[in-house]
């Protein structure tokens, strides 16, 4: 892994040498954090509606709709 510049919000980016993927260690967008997609799916299976899911995870309603 090596440094690969900065994002527009000035967070440092990294690139994996083996898979060549670029990622950040800290995100400003809550929806990009690891595990958020799994939480959305779990909450959907447990009967939570879109607004409750968005409010609980501190993400937008459209993000919940597009992800699930």
Protein backbone atom coordinates (compact mmCIF):
# COMPACT_ATOMS: atom_id res chain seq x y z
CA UNK A 1 0.00 0.00 0.00
CA UNK A 2 1.25 3.47 -0.79
CA UNK A 3 0.03 7.05 -0.68
CA UNK A 4 -1.96 8.17 -3.68
CA UNK A 5 -2.66 11.89 -3.25
CA UNK A 6 -5.55 13.65 -1.54
CA UNK A 7 -9.30 13.80 -2.04
CA UNK A 8 -11.17 17.03 -2.75
CA UNK A 9 -11.87 17.31 0.98
CA UNK A 10 -8.12 17.04 1.63
CA UNK A 11 -8.17 13.52 3.08
CA UNK A 12 -5.21 11.36 2.19
CA UNK A 13 -5.82 8.58 -0.35
CA UNK A 14 -4.00 5.25 -0.58
CA UNK A 15 -3.59 2.63 -3.32
CA UNK A 16 -3.17 -1.11 -2.73
CA UNK A 17 -0.19 -2.54 -4.61
CA UNK A 18 -1.82 -5.93 -5.24
CA UNK A 19 -5.39 -5.05 -6.26
CA UNK A 20 -4.68 -1.43 -7.36
CA UNK A 21 -7.80 -0.10 -5.58
CA UNK A 22 -7.78 3.44 -4.20
CA UNK A 23 -9.35 4.18 -0.82
CA UNK A 24 -9.30 6.54 2.14
CA UNK A 25 -8.87 5.75 5.81
CA UNK A 26 -11.34 8.45 6.87
CA UNK A 27 -14.40 9.51 4.90
CA UNK A 28 -16.52 12.63 5.28
CA UNK A 29 -19.46 10.83 3.71
CA UNK A 30 -21.08 8.43 6.20
CA UNK A 31 -22.41 6.19 3.43
CA UNK A 32 -18.88 5.32 2.24
CA UNK A 33 -17.79 3.92 5.60
CA UNK A 34 -17.26 0.15 5.76
CA UNK A 35 -20.27 -1.85 6.91
CA UNK A 36 -22.96 0.74 6.12
CA UNK A 37 -24.36 -1.26 3.22
CA UNK A 38 -24.68 -4.35 5.44
CA UNK A 39 -26.51 -2.28 8.08
CA UNK A 40 -28.95 -1.00 5.45
CA UNK A 41 -29.72 -4.54 4.28
CA UNK A 42 -30.09 -5.84 7.86
CA UNK A 43 -32.45 -3.04 8.80
CA UNK A 44 -34.51 -3.63 5.65
CA UNK A 45 -34.89 -7.33 6.47
CA UNK A 46 -35.92 -6.43 10.03
CA UNK A 47 -38.73 -4.20 8.77
CA UNK A 48 -37.25 -0.72 9.33
CA UNK A 49 -38.55 1.86 6.90
CA UNK A 50 -36.32 4.06 4.75
CA UNK A 51 -36.56 7.18 6.92
CA UNK A 52 -35.70 5.32 10.13
CA UNK A 53 -32.74 3.65 8.45
CA UNK A 54 -31.43 6.96 7.09
CA UNK A 55 -31.83 8.70 10.44
CA UNK A 56 -30.18 5.89 12.41
CA UNK A 57 -27.18 5.60 10.09
CA UNK A 58 -26.93 9.39 9.53
CA UNK A 59 -27.14 9.08 5.75
CA UNK A 60 -29.53 10.41 3.13
CA UNK A 61 -32.83 8.80 2.21
CA UNK A 62 -31.78 8.49 -1.43
CA UNK A 63 -28.64 6.65 -0.35
CA UNK A 64 -30.77 4.07 1.46
CA UNK A 65 -33.05 3.68 -1.55
CA UNK A 66 -30.19 3.29 -4.04
CA UNK A 67 -28.25 0.87 -1.84
CA UNK A 68 -31.01 -1.56 -0.91
